[in-house]
């Protein structure tokens, strides 16, 4: 869980007025990544703290990363580098699809995923379904970089459980995107990483050439075994073609993973990837191009071996979680 603390750092040995004047008070955010590992950085200010029905919410103004959204003690995105996460989540599936018109976002309450999707000229309709109205409204008010996306007429915002919404709707989609909170014990989303959900809910809602992509948690040399490898193996049980890829995100203090899946092969070369970027997307990507995606989808030897040997299939009764606990767990 993330904690905020105030520390005083003296820079002198004297007593009295001069020693007091020499002290500097610093406000720090600290997140426990593992039992024996913490990640912290200095804050300019605390913009908001609160709790919705589902999650604890903080908006921090950090010195190294700008504004940062923290949910259930886990940093979700930071102003300075969120473009890495969202370009990697959105553009590979949309560029691999021959003509993406209809997109369904599971989660995505901060609006950055919708922003990146709406840069694609071909897109006619985006459904963004997030369970937490308070988080969505908070992000609409405070994250001005996504203001245009929230008011784009192609975007339909739904407050509901993504599973229930997909089951309720009759439409099928070209791309379904899982921009969900990490699977943490007691959190609201871990059931949406299960084989039954992918097989019975997601796949039937995709068009024949449809593509599913999900964020898949930490994918570092040590951290990928938390959930990344088993989400990959779970999707392999449901789809014919599954592509894992990763990128370093400085504010996460780790490499992060995404997994793309379809029953149609992924055949774009790096050059074709770049051509589609120029043909289809408004503006220029800051991070992702063809060579970058080729690099991102070439995992290290150790991670590839681990994914090849993974046998765990994610289910509600046999779930894995990243380190930390959500609201429901703490309130029990």
C-alpha atoms as a PDB file:
ATOM      1  CA  UNK A   1       0.000   0.000   0.000  1.00  0.00           C
ATOM      2  CA  UNK A   2       1.185   3.553  -0.667  1.00  0.00           C
ATOM      3  CA  UNK A   3       1.997   5.780   2.302  1.00  0.00           C
ATOM      4  CA  UNK A   4       2.728   9.487   2.569  1.00  0.00           C
ATOM      5  CA  UNK A   5       5.233  10.699   5.153  1.00  0.00           C
ATOM      6  CA  UNK A   6       6.980  13.914   6.136  1.00  0.00           C
ATOM      7  CA  UNK A   7      10.678  13.840   6.992  1.00  0.00           C
ATOM      8  CA  UNK A   8      13.124  16.492   8.179  1.00  0.00           C
ATOM      9  CA  UNK A   9      16.678  16.481   6.907  1.00  0.00           C
ATOM     10  CA  UNK A  10      19.218  18.545   8.823  1.00  0.00           C
ATOM     11  CA  UNK A  11      22.348  19.868   7.133  1.00  0.00           C
ATOM     12  CA  UNK A  12      24.272  21.261  10.088  1.00  0.00           C
ATOM     13  CA  UNK A  13      25.585  20.337  13.530  1.00  0.00           C
ATOM     14  CA  UNK A  14      24.729  23.558  15.387  1.00  0.00           C
ATOM     15  CA  UNK A  15      21.960  24.104  17.915  1.00  0.00           C
ATOM     16  CA  UNK A  16      19.234  26.739  18.218  1.00  0.00           C
ATOM     17  CA  UNK A  17      17.962  29.056  15.482  1.00  0.00           C
ATOM     18  CA  UNK A  18      20.542  28.216  12.832  1.00  0.00           C
ATOM     19  CA  UNK A  19      20.014  24.456  13.184  1.00  0.00           C
ATOM     20  CA  UNK A  20      16.235  24.835  12.893  1.00  0.00           C
ATOM     21  CA  UNK A  21      16.579  27.057   9.844  1.00  0.00           C
ATOM     22  CA  UNK A  22      18.865  24.500   8.241  1.00  0.00           C
ATOM     23  CA  UNK A  23      16.268  21.757   8.383  1.00  0.00           C
ATOM     24  CA  UNK A  24      14.227  21.043   5.257  1.00  0.00           C
ATOM     25  CA  UNK A  25      10.881  19.305   5.477  1.00  0.00           C
ATOM     26  CA  UNK A  26      10.099  16.899   2.628  1.00  0.00           C
ATOM     27  CA  UNK A  27       6.861  15.075   1.872  1.00  0.00           C
ATOM     28  CA  UNK A  28       7.362  11.625   0.381  1.00  0.00           C
ATOM     29  CA  UNK A  29       5.195   8.963  -1.259  1.00  0.00           C
ATOM     30  CA  UNK A  30       6.215   5.398  -0.477  1.00  0.00           C
ATOM     31  CA  UNK A  31       4.857   2.251  -2.116  1.00  0.00           C
ATOM     32  CA  UNK A  32       5.592  -1.253  -0.902  1.00  0.00           C
ATOM     33  CA  UNK A  33       6.399  -3.232  -4.026  1.00  0.00           C
ATOM     34  CA  UNK A  34       7.384  -6.405  -2.195  1.00  0.00           C
ATOM     35  CA  UNK A  35       7.693  -7.369   1.447  1.00  0.00           C
ATOM     36  CA  UNK A  36      11.300  -6.213   1.568  1.00  0.00           C
ATOM     37  CA  UNK A  37      11.281  -3.610  -1.203  1.00  0.00           C
ATOM     38  CA  UNK A  38       9.827  -0.103  -1.203  1.00  0.00           C
ATOM     39  CA  UNK A  39       9.788   2.643  -3.833  1.00  0.00           C
ATOM     40  CA  UNK A  40       9.528   6.273  -2.805  1.00  0.00           C
ATOM     41  CA  UNK A  41       9.726   9.744  -4.298  1.00  0.00           C
ATOM     42  CA  UNK A  42       9.290  13.328  -3.174  1.00  0.00           C
ATOM     43  CA  UNK A  43       5.998  15.191  -3.428  1.00  0.00           C
ATOM     44  CA  UNK A  44       5.232  18.802  -4.188  1.00  0.00           C
ATOM     45  CA  UNK A  45       1.713  18.488  -2.815  1.00  0.00           C
ATOM     46  CA  UNK A  46      -1.193  16.136  -2.123  1.00  0.00           C
ATOM     47  CA  UNK A  47      -3.993  17.205  -4.461  1.00  0.00           C
ATOM     48  CA  UNK A  48      -6.673  14.776  -3.303  1.00  0.00           C
ATOM     49  CA  UNK A  49      -7.214  11.770  -1.071  1.00  0.00           C
ATOM     50  CA  UNK A  50     -10.457   9.863  -0.742  1.00  0.00           C
ATOM     51  CA  UNK A  51     -12.207   6.536  -1.088  1.00  0.00           C
ATOM     52  CA  UNK A  52     -14.986   5.324  -3.349  1.00  0.00           C
ATOM     53  CA  UNK A  53     -17.184   2.280  -2.799  1.00  0.00           C
ATOM     54  CA  UNK A  54     -14.533   0.164  -4.490  1.00  0.00           C
ATOM     55  CA  UNK A  55     -11.105   1.777  -4.116  1.00  0.00           C
ATOM     56  CA  UNK A  56      -8.903   4.239  -2.265  1.00  0.00           C
ATOM     57  CA  UNK A  57      -7.957   7.205  -4.480  1.00  0.00           C
ATOM     58  CA  UNK A  58      -5.072   9.660  -4.299  1.00  0.00           C
ATOM     59  CA  UNK A  59      -3.899  12.344  -6.717  1.00  0.00           C
ATOM     60  CA  UNK A  60      -0.364  13.472  -5.957  1.00  0.00           C
ATOM     61  CA  UNK A  61       1.829  16.155  -7.473  1.00  0.00           C
ATOM     62  CA  UNK A  62       5.234  14.479  -7.461  1.00  0.00           C
ATOM     63  CA  UNK A  63       8.610  16.075  -8.040  1.00  0.00           C
ATOM     64  CA  UNK A  64      10.061  13.457 -10.437  1.00  0.00           C
ATOM     65  CA  UNK A  65       6.905  12.318 -12.296  1.00  0.00           C
ATOM     66  CA  UNK A  66       4.377  15.185 -12.230  1.00  0.00           C
ATOM     67  CA  UNK A  67       0.776  14.422 -11.313  1.00  0.00           C
ATOM     68  CA  UNK A  68       0.282  10.787 -10.331  1.00  0.00           C
ATOM     69  CA  UNK A  69      -2.920   8.812  -9.845  1.00  0.00           C
ATOM     70  CA  UNK A  70      -2.727   6.217  -7.042  1.00  0.00           C
ATOM     71  CA  UNK A  71      -5.483   3.623  -6.495  1.00  0.00           C
ATOM     72  CA  UNK A  72      -5.460   1.134  -3.631  1.00  0.00           C
ATOM     73  CA  UNK A  73      -1.890   2.093  -2.809  1.00  0.00           C
ATOM     74  CA  UNK A  74      -0.630   1.311  -6.331  1.00  0.00           C
ATOM     75  CA  UNK A  75       0.541   4.013  -8.712  1.00  0.00           C
ATOM     76  CA  UNK A  76      -1.674   3.760 -11.801  1.00  0.00           C
ATOM     77  CA  UNK A  77      -0.199   6.432 -14.023  1.00  0.00           C
ATOM     78  CA  UNK A  78       2.074   9.446 -13.860  1.00  0.00           C
ATOM     79  CA  UNK A  79       1.976  12.545 -16.015  1.00  0.00           C
ATOM     80  CA  UNK A  80       5.545  12.280 -17.258  1.00  0.00           C
ATOM     81  CA  UNK A  81       5.478   8.705 -18.604  1.00  0.00           C
ATOM     82  CA  UNK A  82       1.853   7.505 -18.903  1.00  0.00           C
ATOM     83  CA  UNK A  83       2.221   7.775 -22.691  1.00  0.00           C
ATOM     84  CA  UNK A  84       4.454   4.658 -22.649  1.00  0.00           C
ATOM     85  CA  UNK A  85       1.786   2.509 -20.987  1.00  0.00           C
ATOM     86  CA  UNK A  86      -1.145   3.792 -23.043  1.00  0.00           C
ATOM     87  CA  UNK A  87       0.573   3.749 -26.440  1.00  0.00           C
ATOM     88  CA  UNK A  88       1.655   0.147 -25.776  1.00  0.00           C
ATOM     89  CA  UNK A  89      -1.819  -0.888 -24.649  1.00  0.00           C
ATOM     90  CA  UNK A  90      -3.777   0.695 -27.500  1.00  0.00           C
ATOM     91  CA  UNK A  91      -1.811   0.909 -30.730  1.00  0.00           C
ATOM     92  CA  UNK A  92      -0.540  -2.660 -31.264  1.00  0.00           C
ATOM     93  CA  UNK A  93      -4.055  -4.190 -31.375  1.00  0.00           C
ATOM     94  CA  UNK A  94      -5.601  -1.353 -33.371  1.00  0.00           C
ATOM     95  CA  UNK A  95      -2.775  -1.321 -35.907  1.00  0.00           C
ATOM     96  CA  UNK A  96      -2.804  -5.117 -36.272  1.00  0.00           C
ATOM     97  CA  UNK A  97      -6.548  -5.085 -36.935  1.00  0.00           C
ATOM     98  CA  UNK A  98      -7.406  -4.539 -40.625  1.00  0.00           C
ATOM     99  CA  UNK A  99     -10.070  -1.897 -39.948  1.00  0.00           C
ATOM    100  CA  UNK A 100     -10.907  -1.185 -36.284  1.00  0.00           C
ATOM    101  CA  UNK A 101     -14.272   0.558 -36.054  1.00  0.00           C
ATOM    102  CA  UNK A 102     -15.742  -0.471 -32.704  1.00  0.00           C
ATOM    103  CA  UNK A 103     -13.749  -0.674 -29.473  1.00  0.00           C
ATOM    104  CA  UNK A 104     -14.759  -1.722 -25.958  1.00  0.00           C
ATOM    105  CA  UNK A 105     -12.602  -0.616 -23.019  1.00  0.00           C
ATOM    106  CA  UNK A 106     -12.872  -2.516 -19.764  1.00  0.00           C
ATOM    107  CA  UNK A 107     -11.850   0.013 -17.118  1.00  0.00           C
ATOM    108  CA  UNK A 108      -9.856   2.962 -18.386  1.00  0.00           C
ATOM    109  CA  UNK A 109     -11.487   5.443 -16.019  1.00  0.00           C
ATOM    110  CA  UNK A 110      -8.719   8.038 -16.235  1.00  0.00           C
ATOM    111  CA  UNK A 111      -9.461   8.538 -19.955  1.00  0.00           C
ATOM    112  CA  UNK A 112      -5.949   8.050 -21.363  1.00  0.00           C
ATOM    113  CA  UNK A 113      -6.804   4.805 -23.170  1.00  0.00           C
ATOM    114  CA  UNK A 114      -9.796   6.464 -24.834  1.00  0.00           C
ATOM    115  CA  UNK A 115      -7.576   9.403 -25.795  1.00  0.00           C
ATOM    116  CA  UNK A 116      -5.155   7.121 -27.647  1.00  0.00           C
ATOM    117  CA  UNK A 117      -7.940   5.139 -29.356  1.00  0.00           C
ATOM    118  CA  UNK A 118      -9.630   8.316 -30.573  1.00  0.00           C
ATOM    119  CA  UNK A 119      -6.453   9.331 -32.396  1.00  0.00           C
ATOM    120  CA  UNK A 120      -7.303   6.555 -34.896  1.00  0.00           C
ATOM    121  CA  UNK A 121      -9.290   8.018 -37.772  1.00  0.00           C
ATOM    122  CA  UNK A 122     -11.013   4.704 -38.569  1.00  0.00           C
ATOM    123  CA  UNK A 123     -12.656   4.392 -35.151  1.00  0.00           C
ATOM    124  CA  UNK A 124     -16.402   5.080 -35.162  1.00  0.00           C
ATOM    125  CA  UNK A 125     -17.396   4.114 -31.625  1.00  0.00           C
ATOM    126  CA  UNK A 126     -15.667   3.575 -28.286  1.00  0.00           C
ATOM    127  CA  UNK A 127     -17.440   2.109 -25.258  1.00  0.00           C
ATOM    128  CA  UNK A 128     -15.586   2.853 -22.021  1.00  0.00           C
ATOM    129  CA  UNK A 129     -16.988   0.820 -19.141  1.00  0.00           C
ATOM    130  CA  UNK A 130     -15.625   1.505 -15.675  1.00  0.00           C
ATOM    131  CA  UNK A 131     -17.140   0.277 -12.422  1.00  0.00           C
ATOM    132  CA  UNK A 132     -16.093   3.280 -10.332  1.00  0.00           C
ATOM    133  CA  UNK A 133     -17.996   6.483 -11.137  1.00  0.00           C
ATOM    134  CA  UNK A 134     -16.113   8.459  -8.497  1.00  0.00           C
ATOM    135  CA  UNK A 135     -12.757   7.673 -10.095  1.00  0.00           C
ATOM    136  CA  UNK A 136     -14.074   8.594 -13.551  1.00  0.00           C
ATOM    137  CA  UNK A 137     -15.549  11.900 -12.395  1.00  0.00           C
ATOM    138  CA  UNK A 138     -12.420  12.705 -10.449  1.00  0.00           C
ATOM    139  CA  UNK A 139     -10.210  12.085 -13.500  1.00  0.00           C
ATOM    140  CA  UNK A 140     -12.523  14.115 -15.750  1.00  0.00           C
ATOM    141  CA  UNK A 141     -12.118  17.044 -13.380  1.00  0.00           C
ATOM    142  CA  UNK A 142      -8.396  16.826 -12.649  1.00  0.00           C
ATOM    143  CA  UNK A 143      -6.618  15.171 -15.609  1.00  0.00           C
ATOM    144  CA  UNK A 144      -6.962  17.932 -18.181  1.00  0.00           C
ATOM    145  CA  UNK A 145      -4.801  16.125 -20.760  1.00  0.00           C
ATOM    146  CA  UNK A 146      -7.781  13.808 -21.415  1.00  0.00           C
ATOM    147  CA  UNK A 147     -10.517  16.457 -21.422  1.00  0.00           C
ATOM    148  CA  UNK A 148     -11.072  16.308 -25.200  1.00  0.00           C
ATOM    149  CA  UNK A 149     -11.396  12.521 -25.138  1.00  0.00           C
ATOM    150  CA  UNK A 150     -14.183  12.594 -22.554  1.00  0.00           C
ATOM    151  CA  UNK A 151     -16.190  14.983 -24.748  1.00  0.00           C
ATOM    152  CA  UNK A 152     -15.523  13.268 -28.094  1.00  0.00           C
ATOM    153  CA  UNK A 153     -18.915  12.250 -29.580  1.00  0.00           C
ATOM    154  CA  UNK A 154     -17.531   8.822 -30.519  1.00  0.00           C
ATOM    155  CA  UNK A 155     -17.055   7.951 -26.830  1.00  0.00           C
ATOM    156  CA  UNK A 156     -19.856   6.353 -24.816  1.00  0.00           C
ATOM    157  CA  UNK A 157     -19.118   6.233 -21.096  1.00  0.00           C
ATOM    158  CA  UNK A 158     -20.811   3.503 -19.069  1.00  0.00           C
ATOM    159  CA  UNK A 159     -20.597   3.055 -15.300  1.00  0.00           C
ATOM    160  CA  UNK A 160     -20.973  -0.663 -14.723  1.00  0.00           C
ATOM    161  CA  UNK A 161     -19.113  -3.886 -14.112  1.00  0.00           C
ATOM    162  CA  UNK A 162     -17.372  -4.720 -17.403  1.00  0.00           C
ATOM    163  CA  UNK A 163     -18.434  -8.373 -17.286  1.00  0.00           C
ATOM    164  CA  UNK A 164     -22.094  -7.478 -16.764  1.00  0.00           C
ATOM    165  CA  UNK A 165     -21.955  -4.834 -19.506  1.00  0.00           C
ATOM    166  CA  UNK A 166     -20.414  -7.171 -22.079  1.00  0.00           C
ATOM    167  CA  UNK A 167     -22.986  -9.852 -21.218  1.00  0.00           C
ATOM    168  CA  UNK A 168     -25.829  -7.338 -21.538  1.00  0.00           C
ATOM    169  CA  UNK A 169     -24.836  -5.882 -24.891  1.00  0.00           C
ATOM    170  CA  UNK A 170     -25.682  -7.521 -28.197  1.00  0.00           C
ATOM    171  CA  UNK A 171     -22.942  -5.767 -30.180  1.00  0.00           C
ATOM    172  CA  UNK A 172     -19.654  -7.398 -31.094  1.00  0.00           C
ATOM    173  CA  UNK A 173     -16.402  -5.466 -31.316  1.00  0.00           C
ATOM    174  CA  UNK A 174     -13.257  -5.252 -33.413  1.00  0.00           C
ATOM    175  CA  UNK A 175     -11.022  -4.725 -30.377  1.00  0.00           C
ATOM    176  CA  UNK A 176     -11.629  -5.267 -26.649  1.00  0.00           C
ATOM    177  CA  UNK A 177      -9.109  -3.655 -24.310  1.00  0.00           C
ATOM    178  CA  UNK A 178      -8.523  -4.636 -20.689  1.00  0.00           C
ATOM    179  CA  UNK A 179      -7.288  -1.477 -18.979  1.00  0.00           C
ATOM    180  CA  UNK A 180      -8.139  -2.846 -15.568  1.00  0.00           C
ATOM    181  CA  UNK A 181      -6.643  -2.382 -12.141  1.00  0.00           C
ATOM    182  CA  UNK A 182      -3.999  -4.927 -11.251  1.00  0.00           C
ATOM    183  CA  UNK A 183      -5.241  -8.248  -9.864  1.00  0.00           C
ATOM    184  CA  UNK A 184      -4.775  -7.652  -6.145  1.00  0.00           C
ATOM    185  CA  UNK A 185      -6.402  -9.612  -3.363  1.00  0.00           C
ATOM    186  CA  UNK A 186      -9.687  -7.932  -2.444  1.00  0.00           C
ATOM    187  CA  UNK A 187      -9.552  -5.653  -5.492  1.00  0.00           C
ATOM    188  CA  UNK A 188     -12.503  -5.226  -7.867  1.00  0.00           C
ATOM    189  CA  UNK A 189     -10.957  -6.718 -11.018  1.00  0.00           C
ATOM    190  CA  UNK A 190      -9.157 -10.024 -10.545  1.00  0.00           C
ATOM    191  CA  UNK A 191     -12.166 -12.029 -11.825  1.00  0.00           C
ATOM    192  CA  UNK A 192     -11.657 -10.333 -15.207  1.00  0.00           C
ATOM    193  CA  UNK A 193      -8.339 -12.129 -15.726  1.00  0.00           C
ATOM    194  CA  UNK A 194      -9.805 -15.657 -15.606  1.00  0.00           C
ATOM    195  CA  UNK A 195     -10.036 -18.305 -18.325  1.00  0.00           C
ATOM    196  CA  UNK A 196     -13.816 -18.504 -17.958  1.00  0.00           C
ATOM    197  CA  UNK A 197     -14.167 -14.760 -18.485  1.00  0.00           C
ATOM    198  CA  UNK A 198     -11.956 -14.765 -21.577  1.00  0.00           C
ATOM    199  CA  UNK A 199     -13.621 -17.860 -23.012  1.00  0.00           C
ATOM    200  CA  UNK A 200     -17.294 -17.215 -22.218  1.00  0.00           C
ATOM    201  CA  UNK A 201     -17.546 -13.416 -22.222  1.00  0.00           C
ATOM    202  CA  UNK A 202     -14.693 -11.748 -24.123  1.00  0.00           C
ATOM    203  CA  UNK A 203     -14.145 -14.041 -27.094  1.00  0.00           C
ATOM    204  CA  UNK A 204     -17.826 -14.292 -28.128  1.00  0.00           C
ATOM    205  CA  UNK A 205     -17.989 -10.476 -28.200  1.00  0.00           C
ATOM    206  CA  UNK A 206     -15.193 -10.180 -30.779  1.00  0.00           C
ATOM    207  CA  UNK A 207     -15.676 -10.002 -34.529  1.00  0.00           C
ATOM    208  CA  UNK A 208     -14.035 -12.856 -36.525  1.00  0.00           C
ATOM    209  CA  UNK A 209     -10.795 -10.869 -36.961  1.00  0.00           C
ATOM    210  CA  UNK A 210     -11.169  -9.328 -33.519  1.00  0.00           C
ATOM    211  CA  UNK A 211      -8.292  -8.710 -31.112  1.00  0.00           C
ATOM    212  CA  UNK A 212      -8.205  -8.690 -27.326  1.00  0.00           C
ATOM    213  CA  UNK A 213      -5.448  -6.968 -25.365  1.00  0.00           C
ATOM    214  CA  UNK A 214      -4.938  -6.593 -21.641  1.00  0.00           C
ATOM    215  CA  UNK A 215      -2.457  -4.999 -19.332  1.00  0.00           C
ATOM    216  CA  UNK A 216      -0.842  -7.903 -17.542  1.00  0.00           C
ATOM    217  CA  UNK A 217       1.086  -6.531 -14.598  1.00  0.00           C
ATOM    218  CA  UNK A 218       4.812  -6.421 -13.856  1.00  0.00           C
ATOM    219  CA  UNK A 219       6.955  -8.177 -16.467  1.00  0.00           C
ATOM    220  CA  UNK A 220      10.456  -7.719 -15.098  1.00  0.00           C
ATOM    221  CA  UNK A 221      13.116 -10.384 -14.892  1.00  0.00           C
ATOM    222  CA  UNK A 222      11.912 -11.358 -11.395  1.00  0.00           C
ATOM    223  CA  UNK A 223       8.411  -9.851 -11.183  1.00  0.00           C
ATOM    224  CA  UNK A 224       6.902 -11.466 -14.308  1.00  0.00           C
ATOM    225  CA  UNK A 225       6.027 -14.635 -12.382  1.00  0.00           C
ATOM    226  CA  UNK A 226       3.511 -12.758 -10.202  1.00  0.00           C
ATOM    227  CA  UNK A 227       0.734 -12.608 -12.826  1.00  0.00           C
ATOM    228  CA  UNK A 228       2.220 -11.891 -16.280  1.00  0.00           C
ATOM    229  CA  UNK A 229       3.209 -15.475 -17.045  1.00  0.00           C
ATOM    230  CA  UNK A 230      -0.071 -17.026 -15.905  1.00  0.00           C
ATOM    231  CA  UNK A 231      -2.221 -14.452 -17.753  1.00  0.00           C
ATOM    232  CA  UNK A 232      -0.221 -15.340 -20.875  1.00  0.00           C
ATOM    233  CA  UNK A 233      -0.780 -19.059 -20.331  1.00  0.00           C
ATOM    234  CA  UNK A 234      -4.478 -18.504 -19.602  1.00  0.00           C
ATOM    235  CA  UNK A 235      -5.008 -16.616 -22.863  1.00  0.00           C
ATOM    236  CA  UNK A 236      -3.172 -19.397 -24.734  1.00  0.00           C
ATOM    237  CA  UNK A 237      -5.951 -21.763 -23.632  1.00  0.00           C
ATOM    238  CA  UNK A 238      -8.560 -19.540 -25.323  1.00  0.00           C
ATOM    239  CA  UNK A 239      -6.981 -17.917 -28.420  1.00  0.00           C
ATOM    240  CA  UNK A 240      -4.870 -19.352 -31.257  1.00  0.00           C
ATOM    241  CA  UNK A 241      -2.362 -16.503 -31.377  1.00  0.00           C
ATOM    242  CA  UNK A 242      -1.015 -14.784 -28.256  1.00  0.00           C
ATOM    243  CA  UNK A 243       1.708 -12.121 -28.187  1.00  0.00           C
ATOM    244  CA  UNK A 244       3.270 -10.945 -24.907  1.00  0.00           C
ATOM    245  CA  UNK A 245       5.275  -7.721 -24.885  1.00  0.00           C
ATOM    246  CA  UNK A 246       6.745  -5.338 -22.335  1.00  0.00           C
ATOM    247  CA  UNK A 247       8.340  -1.938 -21.740  1.00  0.00           C
ATOM    248  CA  UNK A 248      10.100  -0.171 -18.900  1.00  0.00           C
ATOM    249  CA  UNK A 249       7.977   2.483 -17.177  1.00  0.00           C
ATOM    250  CA  UNK A 250      10.106   4.680 -14.890  1.00  0.00           C
ATOM    251  CA  UNK A 251       7.328   5.651 -12.461  1.00  0.00           C
ATOM    252  CA  UNK A 252       6.450   1.972 -11.927  1.00  0.00           C
ATOM    253  CA  UNK A 253      10.065   1.136 -11.029  1.00  0.00           C
ATOM    254  CA  UNK A 254       9.732  -1.965 -13.217  1.00  0.00           C
ATOM    255  CA  UNK A 255       9.134  -3.364 -16.657  1.00  0.00           C
ATOM    256  CA  UNK A 256       5.409  -3.647 -17.450  1.00  0.00           C
ATOM    257  CA  UNK A 257       3.599  -6.220 -19.556  1.00  0.00           C
ATOM    258  CA  UNK A 258       0.719  -6.424 -22.018  1.00  0.00           C
ATOM    259  CA  UNK A 259      -0.683  -9.444 -23.847  1.00  0.00           C
ATOM    260  CA  UNK A 260      -2.470  -9.391 -27.192  1.00  0.00           C
ATOM    261  CA  UNK A 261      -4.600 -12.307 -28.378  1.00  0.00           C
ATOM    262  CA  UNK A 262      -6.667 -13.272 -31.423  1.00  0.00           C
ATOM    263  CA  UNK A 263      -7.734 -16.181 -33.592  1.00  0.00           C
ATOM    264  CA  UNK A 264      -6.190 -14.342 -36.564  1.00  0.00           C
ATOM    265  CA  UNK A 265      -2.382 -14.239 -36.891  1.00  0.00           C
ATOM    266  CA  UNK A 266      -0.352 -11.135 -36.112  1.00  0.00           C
ATOM    267  CA  UNK A 267       1.679 -10.638 -39.273  1.00  0.00           C
ATOM    268  CA  UNK A 268       2.704  -6.954 -39.360  1.00  0.00           C
ATOM    269  CA  UNK A 269       6.384  -6.274 -39.975  1.00  0.00           C
ATOM    270  CA  UNK A 270       8.049  -3.264 -38.347  1.00  0.00           C
ATOM    271  CA  UNK A 271       7.878  -1.348 -41.638  1.00  0.00           C
ATOM    272  CA  UNK A 272       4.176  -2.174 -42.107  1.00  0.00           C
ATOM    273  CA  UNK A 273       3.555  -1.101 -38.515  1.00  0.00           C
ATOM    274  CA  UNK A 274       5.103   2.306 -39.296  1.00  0.00           C
ATOM    275  CA  UNK A 275       3.117   2.677 -42.513  1.00  0.00           C
ATOM    276  CA  UNK A 276      -0.142   2.077 -40.657  1.00  0.00           C
ATOM    277  CA  UNK A 277       0.847   4.611 -37.994  1.00  0.00           C
ATOM    278  CA  UNK A 278       1.216   7.271 -40.706  1.00  0.00           C
ATOM    279  CA  UNK A 279      -1.974   6.226 -42.493  1.00  0.00           C
ATOM    280  CA  UNK A 280      -4.248   5.777 -39.495  1.00  0.00           C
ATOM    281  CA  UNK A 281      -3.199   7.864 -36.493  1.00  0.00           C
ATOM    282  CA  UNK A 282      -3.537  11.574 -35.887  1.00  0.00           C
ATOM    283  CA  UNK A 283      -0.323  13.102 -34.584  1.00  0.00           C
ATOM    284  CA  UNK A 284       2.942  11.393 -33.718  1.00  0.00           C
ATOM    285  CA  UNK A 285       3.539   8.721 -31.105  1.00  0.00           C
ATOM    286  CA  UNK A 286       6.078   9.651 -28.461  1.00  0.00           C
ATOM    287  CA  UNK A 287       7.164   6.073 -27.718  1.00  0.00           C
ATOM    288  CA  UNK A 288       5.858   3.387 -30.041  1.00  0.00           C
ATOM    289  CA  UNK A 289       6.872   2.635 -33.623  1.00  0.00           C
ATOM    290  CA  UNK A 290       7.543  -0.547 -35.568  1.00  0.00           C
ATOM    291  CA  UNK A 291      11.066  -1.169 -34.300  1.00  0.00           C
ATOM    292  CA  UNK A 292      10.052  -0.370 -30.738  1.00  0.00           C
ATOM    293  CA  UNK A 293       7.196  -2.887 -30.858  1.00  0.00           C
ATOM    294  CA  UNK A 294       9.512  -5.519 -32.361  1.00  0.00           C
ATOM    295  CA  UNK A 295      11.869  -4.920 -29.460  1.00  0.00           C
ATOM    296  CA  UNK A 296       9.047  -4.924 -26.883  1.00  0.00           C
ATOM    297  CA  UNK A 297       7.744  -8.272 -28.124  1.00  0.00           C
ATOM    298  CA  UNK A 298      11.226  -9.835 -28.027  1.00  0.00           C
ATOM    299  CA  UNK A 299      11.378 -10.862 -24.397  1.00  0.00           C
ATOM    300  CA  UNK A 300      14.536 -11.858 -22.559  1.00  0.00           C
ATOM    301  CA  UNK A 301      15.675 -15.473 -22.551  1.00  0.00           C
ATOM    302  CA  UNK A 302      14.731 -15.917 -18.878  1.00  0.00           C
ATOM    303  CA  UNK A 303      11.205 -14.532 -19.341  1.00  0.00           C
ATOM    304  CA  UNK A 304      10.615 -16.516 -22.543  1.00  0.00           C
ATOM    305  CA  UNK A 305      11.670 -19.714 -20.806  1.00  0.00           C
ATOM    306  CA  UNK A 306       9.398 -18.954 -17.867  1.00  0.00           C
ATOM    307  CA  UNK A 307       6.412 -18.292 -20.134  1.00  0.00           C
ATOM    308  CA  UNK A 308       7.082 -21.499 -22.081  1.00  0.00           C
ATOM    309  CA  UNK A 309       7.089 -23.486 -18.840  1.00  0.00           C
ATOM    310  CA  UNK A 310       4.107 -21.796 -17.186  1.00  0.00           C
ATOM    311  CA  UNK A 311       1.254 -24.208 -16.394  1.00  0.00           C
ATOM    312  CA  UNK A 312      -0.970 -22.104 -14.131  1.00  0.00           C
ATOM    313  CA  UNK A 313      -4.385 -21.203 -15.556  1.00  0.00           C
ATOM    314  CA  UNK A 314      -6.016 -18.215 -13.893  1.00  0.00           C
ATOM    315  CA  UNK A 315      -9.406 -18.915 -12.293  1.00  0.00           C
ATOM    316  CA  UNK A 316     -11.438 -17.410  -9.489  1.00  0.00           C
ATOM    317  CA  UNK A 317     -10.665 -20.373  -7.257  1.00  0.00           C
ATOM    318  CA  UNK A 318      -6.982 -20.465  -8.223  1.00  0.00           C
ATOM    319  CA  UNK A 319      -6.045 -16.815  -8.666  1.00  0.00           C
ATOM    320  CA  UNK A 320      -2.668 -15.147  -8.437  1.00  0.00           C
ATOM    321  CA  UNK A 321      -2.192 -11.597  -7.210  1.00  0.00           C
ATOM    322  CA  UNK A 322       0.479  -8.954  -7.321  1.00  0.00           C
ATOM    323  CA  UNK A 323       1.744  -7.758  -3.960  1.00  0.00           C
ATOM    324  CA  UNK A 324      -0.740  -5.600  -2.012  1.00  0.00           C
ATOM    325  CA  UNK A 325      -4.354  -5.700  -0.946  1.00  0.00           C
ATOM    326  CA  UNK A 326      -7.490  -3.915  -2.153  1.00  0.00           C
ATOM    327  CA  UNK A 327     -10.275  -2.228  -0.222  1.00  0.00           C
ATOM    328  CA  UNK A 328     -12.391  -5.305   0.450  1.00  0.00           C
ATOM    329  CA  UNK A 329      -9.465  -7.199   1.957  1.00  0.00           C
ATOM    330  CA  UNK A 330      -8.512  -4.375   4.335  1.00  0.00           C
ATOM    331  CA  UNK A 331     -12.079  -3.809   5.513  1.00  0.00           C
ATOM    332  CA  UNK A 332     -12.681  -7.446   6.485  1.00  0.00           C
END
